[in-house]
């Protein structure tokens, strides 16, 4: 399974892609950050993030998109931007018929470190350890996106609209999986 993790943010949106590997392990496929300038109007910032999310979706062809669930913060403008970017990621996935899963920050911490109250630095260190990386991915948003993707590999709950996603027949699902595997094998992104 290939998971594209999204740590939504309006200035920096972390994006990480991991593949499942035998033995409950994960392999890094790609990691980065979609950015938008604070100099732009909100609509243009959302457009920039949306375009970058589309590029990642088309390049890596995920089987599922895992997004950090937005939680209430004291700063209303921050939570609004975060929620708007989470919505962009959901729409990008829906356009491609890719299931979407939402995971809370405490679920991510618990899945990656074993403790729902872990500190951010501990999560980042475990991401590097799990993926056999020499360094912690920077900025923190990138490492957080990988943590969200790993969480979904290990705890694949949180899929939205489960019933809608499984209306295809078994043969249709097999065909879609074979088609996606063939594109990956040919290097078509």
C-alpha atoms as a PDB file:
ATOM      1  CA  UNK A   1       0.000   0.000   0.000  1.00  0.00           C
ATOM      2  CA  UNK A   2       1.197   3.499  -0.809  1.00  0.00           C
ATOM      3  CA  UNK A   3       0.053   6.284   1.524  1.00  0.00           C
ATOM      4  CA  UNK A   4       0.381  10.004   0.893  1.00  0.00           C
ATOM      5  CA  UNK A   5       0.362  11.785   4.259  1.00  0.00           C
ATOM      6  CA  UNK A   6      -0.620  15.435   4.574  1.00  0.00           C
ATOM      7  CA  UNK A   7       0.144  17.754   7.481  1.00  0.00           C
ATOM      8  CA  UNK A   8      -2.110  20.632   6.415  1.00  0.00           C
ATOM      9  CA  UNK A   9      -0.933  24.207   6.707  1.00  0.00           C
ATOM     10  CA  UNK A  10      -1.431  27.343   4.656  1.00  0.00           C
ATOM     11  CA  UNK A  11       2.188  28.534   4.718  1.00  0.00           C
ATOM     12  CA  UNK A  12       3.798  25.081   4.826  1.00  0.00           C
ATOM     13  CA  UNK A  13       1.850  21.903   4.049  1.00  0.00           C
ATOM     14  CA  UNK A  14       3.897  18.816   4.794  1.00  0.00           C
ATOM     15  CA  UNK A  15       3.600  15.974   2.292  1.00  0.00           C
ATOM     16  CA  UNK A  16       5.109  12.514   2.750  1.00  0.00           C
ATOM     17  CA  UNK A  17       4.737   9.315   0.754  1.00  0.00           C
ATOM     18  CA  UNK A  18       5.502   5.866   2.163  1.00  0.00           C
ATOM     19  CA  UNK A  19       5.057   2.323   0.934  1.00  0.00           C
ATOM     20  CA  UNK A  20       4.312  -0.613   3.182  1.00  0.00           C
ATOM     21  CA  UNK A  21       7.054  -3.223   3.299  1.00  0.00           C
ATOM     22  CA  UNK A  22       6.796  -6.798   4.579  1.00  0.00           C
ATOM     23  CA  UNK A  23       7.272  -7.194   8.309  1.00  0.00           C
ATOM     24  CA  UNK A  24       5.254  -4.125   9.324  1.00  0.00           C
ATOM     25  CA  UNK A  25       7.870  -1.777   7.972  1.00  0.00           C
ATOM     26  CA  UNK A  26       7.670   1.319   5.821  1.00  0.00           C
ATOM     27  CA  UNK A  27       9.820   2.696   3.010  1.00  0.00           C
ATOM     28  CA  UNK A  28      10.237   6.369   2.181  1.00  0.00           C
ATOM     29  CA  UNK A  29       9.071   7.215  -1.338  1.00  0.00           C
ATOM     30  CA  UNK A  30       9.026  11.013  -1.194  1.00  0.00           C
ATOM     31  CA  UNK A  31       8.853  13.885   1.248  1.00  0.00           C
ATOM     32  CA  UNK A  32       8.513  17.632   0.916  1.00  0.00           C
ATOM     33  CA  UNK A  33       6.514  20.731   1.663  1.00  0.00           C
ATOM     34  CA  UNK A  34       3.965  22.614  -0.404  1.00  0.00           C
ATOM     35  CA  UNK A  35       4.414  26.317   0.273  1.00  0.00           C
ATOM     36  CA  UNK A  36       2.516  29.527  -0.211  1.00  0.00           C
ATOM     37  CA  UNK A  37       3.677  33.070   0.401  1.00  0.00           C
ATOM     38  CA  UNK A  38       2.074  35.200   3.094  1.00  0.00           C
ATOM     39  CA  UNK A  39       2.339  38.049   0.573  1.00  0.00           C
ATOM     40  CA  UNK A  40      -0.488  36.502  -1.495  1.00  0.00           C
ATOM     41  CA  UNK A  41      -4.223  36.720  -0.849  1.00  0.00           C
ATOM     42  CA  UNK A  42      -5.756  33.653   0.800  1.00  0.00           C
ATOM     43  CA  UNK A  43      -7.427  32.497  -2.420  1.00  0.00           C
ATOM     44  CA  UNK A  44      -4.108  32.600  -4.297  1.00  0.00           C
ATOM     45  CA  UNK A  45      -2.341  30.832  -1.412  1.00  0.00           C
ATOM     46  CA  UNK A  46      -4.931  28.059  -1.528  1.00  0.00           C
ATOM     47  CA  UNK A  47      -4.507  27.797  -5.292  1.00  0.00           C
ATOM     48  CA  UNK A  48      -0.711  27.406  -4.914  1.00  0.00           C
ATOM     49  CA  UNK A  49      -1.110  24.668  -2.282  1.00  0.00           C
ATOM     50  CA  UNK A  50      -3.798  22.946  -4.379  1.00  0.00           C
ATOM     51  CA  UNK A  51      -1.555  22.861  -7.463  1.00  0.00           C
ATOM     52  CA  UNK A  52       1.291  21.354  -5.465  1.00  0.00           C
ATOM     53  CA  UNK A  53      -0.979  18.725  -3.889  1.00  0.00           C
ATOM     54  CA  UNK A  54      -2.189  17.785  -7.386  1.00  0.00           C
ATOM     55  CA  UNK A  55       1.420  17.376  -8.548  1.00  0.00           C
ATOM     56  CA  UNK A  56       2.186  15.042  -5.644  1.00  0.00           C
ATOM     57  CA  UNK A  57      -0.988  13.011  -6.245  1.00  0.00           C
ATOM     58  CA  UNK A  58      -0.244  12.609  -9.956  1.00  0.00           C
ATOM     59  CA  UNK A  59       3.423  11.835  -9.439  1.00  0.00           C
ATOM     60  CA  UNK A  60       3.100   9.245  -6.657  1.00  0.00           C
ATOM     61  CA  UNK A  61      -0.337   7.670  -7.318  1.00  0.00           C
ATOM     62  CA  UNK A  62      -1.237   6.883  -3.693  1.00  0.00           C
ATOM     63  CA  UNK A  63      -3.648   4.144  -2.681  1.00  0.00           C
ATOM     64  CA  UNK A  64      -4.914   6.314   0.179  1.00  0.00           C
ATOM     65  CA  UNK A  65      -4.441   9.889   1.410  1.00  0.00           C
ATOM     66  CA  UNK A  66      -4.040  10.281   5.174  1.00  0.00           C
ATOM     67  CA  UNK A  67      -4.573  13.752   6.603  1.00  0.00           C
ATOM     68  CA  UNK A  68      -4.061  15.086  10.095  1.00  0.00           C
ATOM     69  CA  UNK A  69      -7.465  15.881  11.547  1.00  0.00           C
ATOM     70  CA  UNK A  70      -7.774  19.580  12.304  1.00  0.00           C
ATOM     71  CA  UNK A  71      -8.271  20.296  15.969  1.00  0.00           C
ATOM     72  CA  UNK A  72      -9.390  23.443  17.755  1.00  0.00           C
ATOM     73  CA  UNK A  73      -6.649  25.947  18.456  1.00  0.00           C
ATOM     74  CA  UNK A  74      -6.703  29.331  20.145  1.00  0.00           C
ATOM     75  CA  UNK A  75      -5.736  31.072  16.911  1.00  0.00           C
ATOM     76  CA  UNK A  76      -8.859  31.035  14.704  1.00  0.00           C
ATOM     77  CA  UNK A  77      -7.046  32.209  11.557  1.00  0.00           C
ATOM     78  CA  UNK A  78      -4.525  29.367  11.881  1.00  0.00           C
ATOM     79  CA  UNK A  79      -7.198  26.703  12.317  1.00  0.00           C
ATOM     80  CA  UNK A  80      -9.160  28.137   9.364  1.00  0.00           C
ATOM     81  CA  UNK A  81      -6.170  27.937   7.029  1.00  0.00           C
ATOM     82  CA  UNK A  82      -5.352  24.438   8.260  1.00  0.00           C
ATOM     83  CA  UNK A  83      -8.929  23.284   7.702  1.00  0.00           C
ATOM     84  CA  UNK A  84      -9.036  24.840   4.237  1.00  0.00           C
ATOM     85  CA  UNK A  85      -5.837  23.030   3.203  1.00  0.00           C
ATOM     86  CA  UNK A  86      -7.141  19.744   4.636  1.00  0.00           C
ATOM     87  CA  UNK A  87     -10.195  20.251   2.411  1.00  0.00           C
ATOM     88  CA  UNK A  88      -7.958  20.793  -0.624  1.00  0.00           C
ATOM     89  CA  UNK A  89      -6.214  17.476   0.068  1.00  0.00           C
ATOM     90  CA  UNK A  90      -9.578  15.717   0.375  1.00  0.00           C
ATOM     91  CA  UNK A  91     -10.785  17.169  -2.929  1.00  0.00           C
ATOM     92  CA  UNK A  92      -7.520  16.230  -4.699  1.00  0.00           C
ATOM     93  CA  UNK A  93      -8.010  12.646  -3.500  1.00  0.00           C
ATOM     94  CA  UNK A  94     -11.721  12.564  -4.347  1.00  0.00           C
ATOM     95  CA  UNK A  95     -11.025  13.724  -7.925  1.00  0.00           C
ATOM     96  CA  UNK A  96      -8.861  10.631  -8.322  1.00  0.00           C
ATOM     97  CA  UNK A  97     -11.205   8.268  -6.415  1.00  0.00           C
ATOM     98  CA  UNK A  98      -8.542   7.769  -3.750  1.00  0.00           C
ATOM     99  CA  UNK A  99      -9.873   7.041  -0.250  1.00  0.00           C
ATOM    100  CA  UNK A 100      -9.203   9.635   2.451  1.00  0.00           C
ATOM    101  CA  UNK A 101      -8.420   8.914   6.099  1.00  0.00           C
ATOM    102  CA  UNK A 102      -8.200  11.370   8.972  1.00  0.00           C
ATOM    103  CA  UNK A 103      -5.977  10.820  12.010  1.00  0.00           C
ATOM    104  CA  UNK A 104      -5.785  12.960  15.138  1.00  0.00           C
ATOM    105  CA  UNK A 105      -2.445  14.244  16.415  1.00  0.00           C
ATOM    106  CA  UNK A 106      -2.656  11.924  19.445  1.00  0.00           C
ATOM    107  CA  UNK A 107      -3.354   8.907  17.186  1.00  0.00           C
ATOM    108  CA  UNK A 108      -0.275   9.782  15.150  1.00  0.00           C
ATOM    109  CA  UNK A 109       1.910  10.159  18.246  1.00  0.00           C
ATOM    110  CA  UNK A 110       0.652   6.863  19.688  1.00  0.00           C
ATOM    111  CA  UNK A 111       1.160   4.949  16.426  1.00  0.00           C
ATOM    112  CA  UNK A 112       4.686   6.218  15.844  1.00  0.00           C
ATOM    113  CA  UNK A 113       6.052   6.402  19.411  1.00  0.00           C
ATOM    114  CA  UNK A 114       3.711   4.285  21.510  1.00  0.00           C
ATOM    115  CA  UNK A 115       2.551   7.328  23.494  1.00  0.00           C
ATOM    116  CA  UNK A 116      -0.264   9.701  22.559  1.00  0.00           C
ATOM    117  CA  UNK A 117       1.406  12.393  24.619  1.00  0.00           C
ATOM    118  CA  UNK A 118       4.827  12.200  22.941  1.00  0.00           C
ATOM    119  CA  UNK A 119       6.730  15.374  22.190  1.00  0.00           C
ATOM    120  CA  UNK A 120       7.161  16.543  18.579  1.00  0.00           C
ATOM    121  CA  UNK A 121      10.921  15.849  18.680  1.00  0.00           C
ATOM    122  CA  UNK A 122      10.302  12.253  19.760  1.00  0.00           C
ATOM    123  CA  UNK A 123       7.856  11.720  16.868  1.00  0.00           C
ATOM    124  CA  UNK A 124      10.362  13.134  14.378  1.00  0.00           C
ATOM    125  CA  UNK A 125      13.167  10.941  15.730  1.00  0.00           C
ATOM    126  CA  UNK A 126      10.964   7.838  15.468  1.00  0.00           C
ATOM    127  CA  UNK A 127       9.990   8.718  11.875  1.00  0.00           C
ATOM    128  CA  UNK A 128      13.692   8.805  10.946  1.00  0.00           C
ATOM    129  CA  UNK A 129      14.241   5.513  12.790  1.00  0.00           C
ATOM    130  CA  UNK A 130      11.235   3.739  11.235  1.00  0.00           C
ATOM    131  CA  UNK A 131      12.242   4.812   7.724  1.00  0.00           C
ATOM    132  CA  UNK A 132      15.993   4.148   8.278  1.00  0.00           C
ATOM    133  CA  UNK A 133      16.876   7.773   7.537  1.00  0.00           C
ATOM    134  CA  UNK A 134      20.214   9.292   8.528  1.00  0.00           C
ATOM    135  CA  UNK A 135      18.547  12.600   9.380  1.00  0.00           C
ATOM    136  CA  UNK A 136      15.166  13.832  10.522  1.00  0.00           C
ATOM    137  CA  UNK A 137      13.274  15.285   7.536  1.00  0.00           C
ATOM    138  CA  UNK A 138      13.126  19.083   7.601  1.00  0.00           C
ATOM    139  CA  UNK A 139      11.113  21.170   8.103  1.00  0.00           C
ATOM    140  CA  UNK A 140       9.005  19.636  10.879  1.00  0.00           C
ATOM    141  CA  UNK A 141       5.919  19.691   8.631  1.00  0.00           C
ATOM    142  CA  UNK A 142       7.586  17.165   6.306  1.00  0.00           C
ATOM    143  CA  UNK A 143       8.411  14.795   9.179  1.00  0.00           C
ATOM    144  CA  UNK A 144       4.860  15.194  10.495  1.00  0.00           C
ATOM    145  CA  UNK A 145       3.405  14.233   7.099  1.00  0.00           C
ATOM    146  CA  UNK A 146       5.515  11.059   7.118  1.00  0.00           C
ATOM    147  CA  UNK A 147       4.296  10.273  10.638  1.00  0.00           C
ATOM    148  CA  UNK A 148       0.687  10.607   9.433  1.00  0.00           C
ATOM    149  CA  UNK A 149       1.375   8.266   6.489  1.00  0.00           C
ATOM    150  CA  UNK A 150       3.083   5.704   8.765  1.00  0.00           C
ATOM    151  CA  UNK A 151       0.139   5.912  11.158  1.00  0.00           C
ATOM    152  CA  UNK A 152      -2.223   4.961   8.372  1.00  0.00           C
ATOM    153  CA  UNK A 153      -0.059   2.010   7.348  1.00  0.00           C
ATOM    154  CA  UNK A 154      -0.151   0.684  10.887  1.00  0.00           C
ATOM    155  CA  UNK A 155      -3.637   1.803  11.916  1.00  0.00           C
ATOM    156  CA  UNK A 156      -5.720   1.988   8.751  1.00  0.00           C
ATOM    157  CA  UNK A 157      -8.861   3.253  10.455  1.00  0.00           C
ATOM    158  CA  UNK A 158     -10.311   6.635   9.781  1.00  0.00           C
ATOM    159  CA  UNK A 159     -11.275   6.082   6.125  1.00  0.00           C
ATOM    160  CA  UNK A 160     -14.042   8.500   5.213  1.00  0.00           C
ATOM    161  CA  UNK A 161     -17.067   7.335   3.213  1.00  0.00           C
ATOM    162  CA  UNK A 162     -16.202   3.641   3.397  1.00  0.00           C
ATOM    163  CA  UNK A 163     -19.411   2.520   1.739  1.00  0.00           C
ATOM    164  CA  UNK A 164     -18.951   4.741  -1.316  1.00  0.00           C
ATOM    165  CA  UNK A 165     -15.424   3.505  -1.950  1.00  0.00           C
ATOM    166  CA  UNK A 166     -16.357  -0.145  -2.247  1.00  0.00           C
ATOM    167  CA  UNK A 167     -19.176  -0.029  -4.779  1.00  0.00           C
ATOM    168  CA  UNK A 168     -16.892  -1.478  -7.454  1.00  0.00           C
ATOM    169  CA  UNK A 169     -17.114  -5.172  -8.083  1.00  0.00           C
ATOM    170  CA  UNK A 170     -14.210  -7.413  -7.117  1.00  0.00           C
ATOM    171  CA  UNK A 171     -13.160  -7.574 -10.770  1.00  0.00           C
ATOM    172  CA  UNK A 172     -13.217  -3.776 -11.051  1.00  0.00           C
ATOM    173  CA  UNK A 173     -11.059  -3.419  -7.945  1.00  0.00           C
ATOM    174  CA  UNK A 174      -8.569  -5.970  -9.314  1.00  0.00           C
ATOM    175  CA  UNK A 175      -8.472  -4.163 -12.648  1.00  0.00           C
ATOM    176  CA  UNK A 176      -7.868  -0.784 -10.965  1.00  0.00           C
ATOM    177  CA  UNK A 177      -5.092  -2.254  -8.790  1.00  0.00           C
ATOM    178  CA  UNK A 178      -3.423  -3.898 -11.786  1.00  0.00           C
ATOM    179  CA  UNK A 179      -3.660  -0.692 -13.790  1.00  0.00           C
ATOM    180  CA  UNK A 180      -2.056   1.325 -10.998  1.00  0.00           C
ATOM    181  CA  UNK A 181       0.712  -1.280 -10.531  1.00  0.00           C
ATOM    182  CA  UNK A 182       1.431  -1.210 -14.278  1.00  0.00           C
ATOM    183  CA  UNK A 183       1.709   2.597 -14.265  1.00  0.00           C
ATOM    184  CA  UNK A 184       4.151   2.426 -11.360  1.00  0.00           C
ATOM    185  CA  UNK A 185       6.191  -0.277 -13.098  1.00  0.00           C
ATOM    186  CA  UNK A 186       6.425   1.831 -16.277  1.00  0.00           C
ATOM    187  CA  UNK A 187       7.380   4.859 -14.217  1.00  0.00           C
ATOM    188  CA  UNK A 188       4.304   6.748 -15.348  1.00  0.00           C
ATOM    189  CA  UNK A 189       3.540   9.267 -12.661  1.00  0.00           C
END
